[in-house]
Amino acid sequence: YFDQEIMPDHVATADELASDARDWRDGELKSTDWIAPVTDHPQHSAYIAYRKKLRDWPSTSGFPATKPTKGY
């Protein structure tokens, strides 16, 4: 039990936000691992492009605020 007036809401630090974003990104990559070897899948190129956006995301100016979007 804690009193909301005594214990204010936690405000995430930049490092915590970046870590959470990387965890989300890693989950997205893991959930799309299956597509890489399936070269005849009709949306293969869209999945591969999304995975590239995910890998490149931490080095962009939008990280961690703007997540890459799926193109499939």
C-alpha atoms as a PDB file:
ATOM      1  CA  TYR A   1       0.000   0.000   0.000  1.00  0.00           C
ATOM      2  CA  PHE A   2       1.177   3.486  -0.750  1.00  0.00           C
ATOM      3  CA  ASP A   3      -0.445   6.858  -0.601  1.00  0.00           C
ATOM      4  CA  GLN A   4      -0.542   8.548  -4.010  1.00  0.00           C
ATOM      5  CA  GLU A   5      -0.044  11.952  -2.398  1.00  0.00           C
ATOM      6  CA  ILE A   6       3.128  10.849  -0.634  1.00  0.00           C
ATOM      7  CA  MET A   7       4.621   8.769  -3.450  1.00  0.00           C
ATOM      8  CA  PRO A   8       4.365  10.549  -6.817  1.00  0.00           C
ATOM      9  CA  ASP A   9       4.160   8.647 -10.099  1.00  0.00           C
ATOM     10  CA  HIS A  10       7.476   7.415 -11.410  1.00  0.00           C
ATOM     11  CA  VAL A  11       8.760   9.390 -14.378  1.00  0.00           C
ATOM     12  CA  ALA A  12      10.836   7.225 -16.668  1.00  0.00           C
ATOM     13  CA  THR A  13      14.357   8.361 -17.444  1.00  0.00           C
ATOM     14  CA  ALA A  14      15.720   8.578 -20.976  1.00  0.00           C
ATOM     15  CA  ASP A  15      17.715   5.390 -20.352  1.00  0.00           C
ATOM     16  CA  GLU A  16      14.582   3.546 -19.168  1.00  0.00           C
ATOM     17  CA  LEU A  17      12.622   4.717 -22.206  1.00  0.00           C
ATOM     18  CA  ALA A  18      15.430   3.597 -24.529  1.00  0.00           C
ATOM     19  CA  SER A  19      15.667   0.222 -22.790  1.00  0.00           C
ATOM     20  CA  ASP A  20      11.893  -0.308 -23.056  1.00  0.00           C
ATOM     21  CA  ALA A  21      12.013   0.666 -26.731  1.00  0.00           C
ATOM     22  CA  ARG A  22      14.835  -1.811 -27.405  1.00  0.00           C
ATOM     23  CA  ASP A  23      12.886  -4.544 -25.607  1.00  0.00           C
ATOM     24  CA  TRP A  24       9.850  -3.820 -27.797  1.00  0.00           C
ATOM     25  CA  ARG A  25      12.036  -3.783 -30.921  1.00  0.00           C
ATOM     26  CA  ASP A  26      13.683  -7.081 -29.973  1.00  0.00           C
ATOM     27  CA  GLY A  27      10.242  -8.639 -29.546  1.00  0.00           C
ATOM     28  CA  GLU A  28       9.153  -7.382 -32.962  1.00  0.00           C
ATOM     29  CA  LEU A  29      12.291  -8.804 -34.563  1.00  0.00           C
ATOM     30  CA  LYS A  30      11.815 -12.138 -32.817  1.00  0.00           C
ATOM     31  CA  SER A  31       8.177 -12.339 -33.887  1.00  0.00           C
ATOM     32  CA  THR A  32       9.191 -11.845 -37.536  1.00  0.00           C
ATOM     33  CA  ASP A  33      12.240 -14.133 -37.572  1.00  0.00           C
ATOM     34  CA  TRP A  34      10.214 -16.793 -39.350  1.00  0.00           C
ATOM     35  CA  ILE A  35       9.844 -14.719 -42.515  1.00  0.00           C
ATOM     36  CA  ALA A  36      13.534 -14.395 -43.418  1.00  0.00           C
ATOM     37  CA  PRO A  37      13.915 -17.907 -44.863  1.00  0.00           C
ATOM     38  CA  VAL A  38      10.473 -17.883 -46.546  1.00  0.00           C
ATOM     39  CA  THR A  39      11.527 -16.035 -49.689  1.00  0.00           C
ATOM     40  CA  ASP A  40       8.380 -16.919 -51.635  1.00  0.00           C
ATOM     41  CA  HIS A  41       6.014 -15.338 -49.069  1.00  0.00           C
ATOM     42  CA  PRO A  42       3.886 -12.684 -50.832  1.00  0.00           C
ATOM     43  CA  GLN A  43       4.861 -10.017 -48.283  1.00  0.00           C
ATOM     44  CA  HIS A  44       8.482 -11.083 -47.821  1.00  0.00           C
ATOM     45  CA  SER A  45       9.995  -7.798 -49.021  1.00  0.00           C
ATOM     46  CA  ALA A  46       7.684  -5.750 -46.762  1.00  0.00           C
ATOM     47  CA  TYR A  47       8.670  -7.854 -43.735  1.00  0.00           C
ATOM     48  CA  ILE A  48      12.356  -7.514 -44.583  1.00  0.00           C
ATOM     49  CA  ALA A  49      11.997  -3.730 -44.957  1.00  0.00           C
ATOM     50  CA  TYR A  50      10.212  -3.540 -41.574  1.00  0.00           C
ATOM     51  CA  ARG A  51      12.962  -5.588 -39.932  1.00  0.00           C
ATOM     52  CA  LYS A  52      15.570  -3.211 -41.374  1.00  0.00           C
ATOM     53  CA  LYS A  53      13.659  -0.224 -39.963  1.00  0.00           C
ATOM     54  CA  LEU A  54      13.632  -1.962 -36.578  1.00  0.00           C
ATOM     55  CA  ARG A  55      17.374  -2.603 -36.629  1.00  0.00           C
ATOM     56  CA  ASP A  56      18.156   0.956 -37.751  1.00  0.00           C
ATOM     57  CA  TRP A  57      15.685   2.628 -35.385  1.00  0.00           C
ATOM     58  CA  PRO A  58      18.022   3.179 -32.380  1.00  0.00           C
ATOM     59  CA  SER A  59      20.330   5.291 -34.531  1.00  0.00           C
ATOM     60  CA  THR A  60      17.556   7.584 -35.805  1.00  0.00           C
ATOM     61  CA  SER A  61      16.500  10.941 -34.404  1.00  0.00           C
ATOM     62  CA  GLY A  62      13.036   9.519 -33.665  1.00  0.00           C
ATOM     63  CA  PHE A  63      14.347   6.964 -31.169  1.00  0.00           C
ATOM     64  CA  PRO A  64      12.715   6.029 -28.814  1.00  0.00           C
ATOM     65  CA  ALA A  65       9.636   8.221 -29.300  1.00  0.00           C
ATOM     66  CA  THR A  66       8.596   7.177 -32.812  1.00  0.00           C
ATOM     67  CA  LYS A  67       8.316   3.441 -33.423  1.00  0.00           C
ATOM     68  CA  PRO A  68       8.795   2.026 -36.912  1.00  0.00           C
ATOM     69  CA  THR A  69       5.560   1.084 -38.622  1.00  0.00           C
ATOM     70  CA  LYS A  70       4.760  -2.198 -40.306  1.00  0.00           C
ATOM     71  CA  GLY A  71       4.537  -2.111 -44.060  1.00  0.00           C
ATOM     72  CA  TYR A  72       2.574  -5.320 -44.397  1.00  0.00           C
END
